[in-house]
């Protein structure tokens, strides 16, 4: 099947709508332009226009992404940072997003919520295996291992090894 190639103005218009619908990163926009049959200098020119017209903003994207993944999906810092890096977001924007969207108090409360919710779902009766499963789950969600173990020891003090 033959792909339809769009003119510069058509592609620019489509990408404005694409970016207006939800926050996008440069990588997503570049992929969309290639999908529309736009190559070379036109890609950079359209991305430049989108930035100039404030349709595309890397910091705004990082803030929205980090805030959404934290509040909705209950992801930890490590998972959010890795996802932003995969989307080629700058270290500065990642740092700003983490600082502003994941305040320490909310972060610790969310970690506790995630642990308690998972604890209610586990059927494991051995307290050591249970704690291990909780740690594995929360670390996979992107929470830092030292925070996870601190919280687990705080919530379940009697299953500590001596």
C-alpha atoms as a PDB file:
ATOM      1  CA  UNK A   1       0.000   0.000   0.000  1.00  0.00           C
ATOM      2  CA  UNK A   2       1.361   3.406  -0.997  1.00  0.00           C
ATOM      3  CA  UNK A   3       1.780   6.001   1.761  1.00  0.00           C
ATOM      4  CA  UNK A   4       0.293   9.413   1.107  1.00  0.00           C
ATOM      5  CA  UNK A   5       2.860  12.200   1.228  1.00  0.00           C
ATOM      6  CA  UNK A   6       1.737  15.472   2.736  1.00  0.00           C
ATOM      7  CA  UNK A   7       2.828  18.969   1.865  1.00  0.00           C
ATOM      8  CA  UNK A   8       4.761  21.038   4.369  1.00  0.00           C
ATOM      9  CA  UNK A   9       1.684  23.085   5.337  1.00  0.00           C
ATOM     10  CA  UNK A  10      -0.581  20.021   5.621  1.00  0.00           C
ATOM     11  CA  UNK A  11       1.948  18.265   7.811  1.00  0.00           C
ATOM     12  CA  UNK A  12       2.459  21.367   9.957  1.00  0.00           C
ATOM     13  CA  UNK A  13      -1.296  21.717  10.439  1.00  0.00           C
ATOM     14  CA  UNK A  14      -1.692  18.019  11.308  1.00  0.00           C
ATOM     15  CA  UNK A  15       1.159  18.212  13.814  1.00  0.00           C
ATOM     16  CA  UNK A  16      -0.325  21.306  15.450  1.00  0.00           C
ATOM     17  CA  UNK A  17      -3.525  19.338  16.039  1.00  0.00           C
ATOM     18  CA  UNK A  18      -1.498  16.321  17.177  1.00  0.00           C
ATOM     19  CA  UNK A  19       0.370  18.427  19.748  1.00  0.00           C
ATOM     20  CA  UNK A  20      -2.727  20.344  20.845  1.00  0.00           C
ATOM     21  CA  UNK A  21      -4.518  17.091  21.698  1.00  0.00           C
ATOM     22  CA  UNK A  22      -1.954  16.126  24.362  1.00  0.00           C
ATOM     23  CA  UNK A  23       1.612  16.943  25.342  1.00  0.00           C
ATOM     24  CA  UNK A  24       4.156  15.353  22.992  1.00  0.00           C
ATOM     25  CA  UNK A  25       7.906  14.981  23.081  1.00  0.00           C
ATOM     26  CA  UNK A  26      10.228  15.771  20.175  1.00  0.00           C
ATOM     27  CA  UNK A  27      10.756  12.059  19.521  1.00  0.00           C
ATOM     28  CA  UNK A  28       6.999  11.430  19.063  1.00  0.00           C
ATOM     29  CA  UNK A  29       6.648  14.440  16.771  1.00  0.00           C
ATOM     30  CA  UNK A  30       9.626  13.385  14.659  1.00  0.00           C
ATOM     31  CA  UNK A  31       8.169   9.853  14.300  1.00  0.00           C
ATOM     32  CA  UNK A  32       4.788  11.260  13.315  1.00  0.00           C
ATOM     33  CA  UNK A  33       6.383  13.487  10.656  1.00  0.00           C
ATOM     34  CA  UNK A  34       8.284  10.543   9.176  1.00  0.00           C
ATOM     35  CA  UNK A  35       5.037   8.572   9.191  1.00  0.00           C
ATOM     36  CA  UNK A  36       3.410  11.421   7.212  1.00  0.00           C
ATOM     37  CA  UNK A  37       6.180  11.242   4.618  1.00  0.00           C
ATOM     38  CA  UNK A  38       8.080  14.362   5.677  1.00  0.00           C
ATOM     39  CA  UNK A  39      11.896  14.075   5.662  1.00  0.00           C
ATOM     40  CA  UNK A  40      15.074  16.079   5.931  1.00  0.00           C
ATOM     41  CA  UNK A  41      15.107  19.781   6.652  1.00  0.00           C
ATOM     42  CA  UNK A  42      11.292  19.961   6.616  1.00  0.00           C
ATOM     43  CA  UNK A  43      11.174  17.808   9.750  1.00  0.00           C
ATOM     44  CA  UNK A  44      13.445  20.194  11.632  1.00  0.00           C
ATOM     45  CA  UNK A  45      11.621  23.234  10.251  1.00  0.00           C
ATOM     46  CA  UNK A  46       8.204  21.944  11.379  1.00  0.00           C
ATOM     47  CA  UNK A  47       9.544  21.004  14.820  1.00  0.00           C
ATOM     48  CA  UNK A  48      11.074  24.466  15.071  1.00  0.00           C
ATOM     49  CA  UNK A  49       7.720  26.060  14.111  1.00  0.00           C
ATOM     50  CA  UNK A  50       5.898  23.956  16.706  1.00  0.00           C
ATOM     51  CA  UNK A  51       8.341  25.034  19.404  1.00  0.00           C
ATOM     52  CA  UNK A  52       8.082  28.663  18.334  1.00  0.00           C
ATOM     53  CA  UNK A  53       4.264  28.540  18.413  1.00  0.00           C
ATOM     54  CA  UNK A  54       4.395  26.791  21.811  1.00  0.00           C
ATOM     55  CA  UNK A  55       2.758  23.589  20.576  1.00  0.00           C
ATOM     56  CA  UNK A  56       5.849  21.654  21.587  1.00  0.00           C
ATOM     57  CA  UNK A  57       7.609  22.208  24.906  1.00  0.00           C
ATOM     58  CA  UNK A  58       9.950  19.600  26.381  1.00  0.00           C
ATOM     59  CA  UNK A  59       9.670  20.852  29.980  1.00  0.00           C
ATOM     60  CA  UNK A  60       5.877  20.997  29.822  1.00  0.00           C
ATOM     61  CA  UNK A  61       5.860  17.449  28.417  1.00  0.00           C
ATOM     62  CA  UNK A  62       8.173  16.180  31.177  1.00  0.00           C
ATOM     63  CA  UNK A  63       6.020  17.812  33.873  1.00  0.00           C
ATOM     64  CA  UNK A  64       2.801  16.357  32.463  1.00  0.00           C
ATOM     65  CA  UNK A  65       4.330  12.916  31.943  1.00  0.00           C
ATOM     66  CA  UNK A  66       5.902  12.696  35.407  1.00  0.00           C
ATOM     67  CA  UNK A  67       2.820  14.035  37.170  1.00  0.00           C
ATOM     68  CA  UNK A  68       0.461  11.734  35.300  1.00  0.00           C
ATOM     69  CA  UNK A  69       2.491   8.568  35.737  1.00  0.00           C
ATOM     70  CA  UNK A  70       2.976   9.317  39.431  1.00  0.00           C
ATOM     71  CA  UNK A  71      -0.613  10.265  40.279  1.00  0.00           C
ATOM     72  CA  UNK A  72      -2.466   7.858  37.987  1.00  0.00           C
ATOM     73  CA  UNK A  73      -0.203   4.832  37.575  1.00  0.00           C
ATOM     74  CA  UNK A  74       1.653   5.223  40.901  1.00  0.00           C
ATOM     75  CA  UNK A  75       5.077   4.929  39.281  1.00  0.00           C
ATOM     76  CA  UNK A  76       8.222   5.670  41.272  1.00  0.00           C
ATOM     77  CA  UNK A  77      11.024   8.059  40.356  1.00  0.00           C
ATOM     78  CA  UNK A  78      13.274   5.446  38.735  1.00  0.00           C
ATOM     79  CA  UNK A  79      10.605   4.247  36.314  1.00  0.00           C
ATOM     80  CA  UNK A  80       9.558   7.793  35.402  1.00  0.00           C
ATOM     81  CA  UNK A  81      13.169   8.881  34.853  1.00  0.00           C
ATOM     82  CA  UNK A  82      13.890   5.861  32.644  1.00  0.00           C
ATOM     83  CA  UNK A  83      10.755   6.446  30.562  1.00  0.00           C
ATOM     84  CA  UNK A  84      11.657  10.121  30.069  1.00  0.00           C
ATOM     85  CA  UNK A  85      15.210   9.158  29.081  1.00  0.00           C
ATOM     86  CA  UNK A  86      13.817   6.712  26.506  1.00  0.00           C
ATOM     87  CA  UNK A  87      11.849   9.641  25.070  1.00  0.00           C
ATOM     88  CA  UNK A  88      15.130  11.600  24.832  1.00  0.00           C
ATOM     89  CA  UNK A  89      14.137  14.278  27.339  1.00  0.00           C
ATOM     90  CA  UNK A  90      17.039  16.408  28.630  1.00  0.00           C
ATOM     91  CA  UNK A  91      18.465  15.815  32.104  1.00  0.00           C
ATOM     92  CA  UNK A  92      17.467  19.366  33.097  1.00  0.00           C
ATOM     93  CA  UNK A  93      13.793  18.785  32.217  1.00  0.00           C
ATOM     94  CA  UNK A  94      13.768  15.393  33.951  1.00  0.00           C
ATOM     95  CA  UNK A  95      15.221  16.917  37.114  1.00  0.00           C
ATOM     96  CA  UNK A  96      12.696  19.778  37.089  1.00  0.00           C
ATOM     97  CA  UNK A  97       9.777  17.401  36.510  1.00  0.00           C
ATOM     98  CA  UNK A  98      10.806  15.077  39.339  1.00  0.00           C
ATOM     99  CA  UNK A  99      11.346  17.991  41.747  1.00  0.00           C
ATOM    100  CA  UNK A 100       8.039  19.686  41.060  1.00  0.00           C
ATOM    101  CA  UNK A 101       5.699  16.747  40.406  1.00  0.00           C
ATOM    102  CA  UNK A 102       6.887  14.272  43.060  1.00  0.00           C
ATOM    103  CA  UNK A 103       7.044  16.076  46.421  1.00  0.00           C
ATOM    104  CA  UNK A 104       8.614  13.944  49.190  1.00  0.00           C
ATOM    105  CA  UNK A 105       5.510  13.805  51.390  1.00  0.00           C
ATOM    106  CA  UNK A 106       3.252  12.705  48.516  1.00  0.00           C
ATOM    107  CA  UNK A 107       5.918  10.306  47.291  1.00  0.00           C
ATOM    108  CA  UNK A 108       6.193   8.528  50.649  1.00  0.00           C
ATOM    109  CA  UNK A 109       2.411   8.408  51.043  1.00  0.00           C
ATOM    110  CA  UNK A 110       2.072   6.918  47.569  1.00  0.00           C
ATOM    111  CA  UNK A 111       4.757   4.339  48.330  1.00  0.00           C
ATOM    112  CA  UNK A 112       2.859   3.349  51.469  1.00  0.00           C
ATOM    113  CA  UNK A 113      -0.437   3.137  49.516  1.00  0.00           C
ATOM    114  CA  UNK A 114       1.151   0.925  46.853  1.00  0.00           C
ATOM    115  CA  UNK A 115       2.615  -1.400  49.496  1.00  0.00           C
ATOM    116  CA  UNK A 116      -0.630  -1.645  51.486  1.00  0.00           C
ATOM    117  CA  UNK A 117      -2.731  -2.256  48.390  1.00  0.00           C
ATOM    118  CA  UNK A 118      -0.414  -5.009  47.149  1.00  0.00           C
ATOM    119  CA  UNK A 119      -0.215  -6.489  50.672  1.00  0.00           C
ATOM    120  CA  UNK A 120      -4.010  -6.894  50.701  1.00  0.00           C
ATOM    121  CA  UNK A 121      -3.828  -8.833  47.430  1.00  0.00           C
ATOM    122  CA  UNK A 122      -1.042 -11.226  48.419  1.00  0.00           C
ATOM    123  CA  UNK A 123      -1.908 -14.727  49.588  1.00  0.00           C
ATOM    124  CA  UNK A 124       1.599 -15.532  50.881  1.00  0.00           C
ATOM    125  CA  UNK A 125       1.514 -16.411  54.598  1.00  0.00           C
ATOM    126  CA  UNK A 126       5.278 -16.564  55.227  1.00  0.00           C
ATOM    127  CA  UNK A 127       6.148 -13.027  56.443  1.00  0.00           C
ATOM    128  CA  UNK A 128       9.645 -13.087  54.921  1.00  0.00           C
ATOM    129  CA  UNK A 129       8.442 -14.188  51.478  1.00  0.00           C
ATOM    130  CA  UNK A 130       5.563 -11.719  51.711  1.00  0.00           C
ATOM    131  CA  UNK A 131       7.947  -8.857  52.454  1.00  0.00           C
ATOM    132  CA  UNK A 132      10.194  -9.988  49.598  1.00  0.00           C
ATOM    133  CA  UNK A 133       7.274 -10.001  47.152  1.00  0.00           C
ATOM    134  CA  UNK A 134       6.177  -6.541  48.292  1.00  0.00           C
ATOM    135  CA  UNK A 135       9.718  -5.217  47.846  1.00  0.00           C
ATOM    136  CA  UNK A 136      10.072  -6.756  44.393  1.00  0.00           C
ATOM    137  CA  UNK A 137       6.720  -5.317  43.265  1.00  0.00           C
ATOM    138  CA  UNK A 138       7.361  -1.763  44.480  1.00  0.00           C
ATOM    139  CA  UNK A 139      10.923  -1.689  43.162  1.00  0.00           C
ATOM    140  CA  UNK A 140       9.597  -2.777  39.750  1.00  0.00           C
ATOM    141  CA  UNK A 141       7.134   0.130  39.926  1.00  0.00           C
ATOM    142  CA  UNK A 142      10.181   2.381  40.091  1.00  0.00           C
ATOM    143  CA  UNK A 143      10.527   3.162  43.775  1.00  0.00           C
ATOM    144  CA  UNK A 144      14.059   3.316  45.167  1.00  0.00           C
ATOM    145  CA  UNK A 145      15.048   0.130  46.994  1.00  0.00           C
ATOM    146  CA  UNK A 146      16.318   1.885  50.140  1.00  0.00           C
ATOM    147  CA  UNK A 147      12.970   3.716  50.510  1.00  0.00           C
ATOM    148  CA  UNK A 148      11.033   0.526  49.861  1.00  0.00           C
ATOM    149  CA  UNK A 149      12.907  -1.398  52.548  1.00  0.00           C
ATOM    150  CA  UNK A 150      12.611   1.494  55.023  1.00  0.00           C
ATOM    151  CA  UNK A 151       8.857   1.600  54.474  1.00  0.00           C
ATOM    152  CA  UNK A 152       8.481  -2.181  54.669  1.00  0.00           C
ATOM    153  CA  UNK A 153      10.427  -2.299  57.941  1.00  0.00           C
ATOM    154  CA  UNK A 154       8.305   0.533  59.278  1.00  0.00           C
ATOM    155  CA  UNK A 155       4.997  -1.094  58.243  1.00  0.00           C
ATOM    156  CA  UNK A 156       5.945  -4.678  59.130  1.00  0.00           C
ATOM    157  CA  UNK A 157       8.524  -4.452  61.943  1.00  0.00           C
ATOM    158  CA  UNK A 158       8.010  -7.981  63.247  1.00  0.00           C
ATOM    159  CA  UNK A 159       9.118  -9.735  60.095  1.00  0.00           C
ATOM    160  CA  UNK A 160      12.654  -8.336  60.307  1.00  0.00           C
ATOM    161  CA  UNK A 161      15.541 -10.765  60.384  1.00  0.00           C
ATOM    162  CA  UNK A 162      17.713 -10.550  63.468  1.00  0.00           C
END
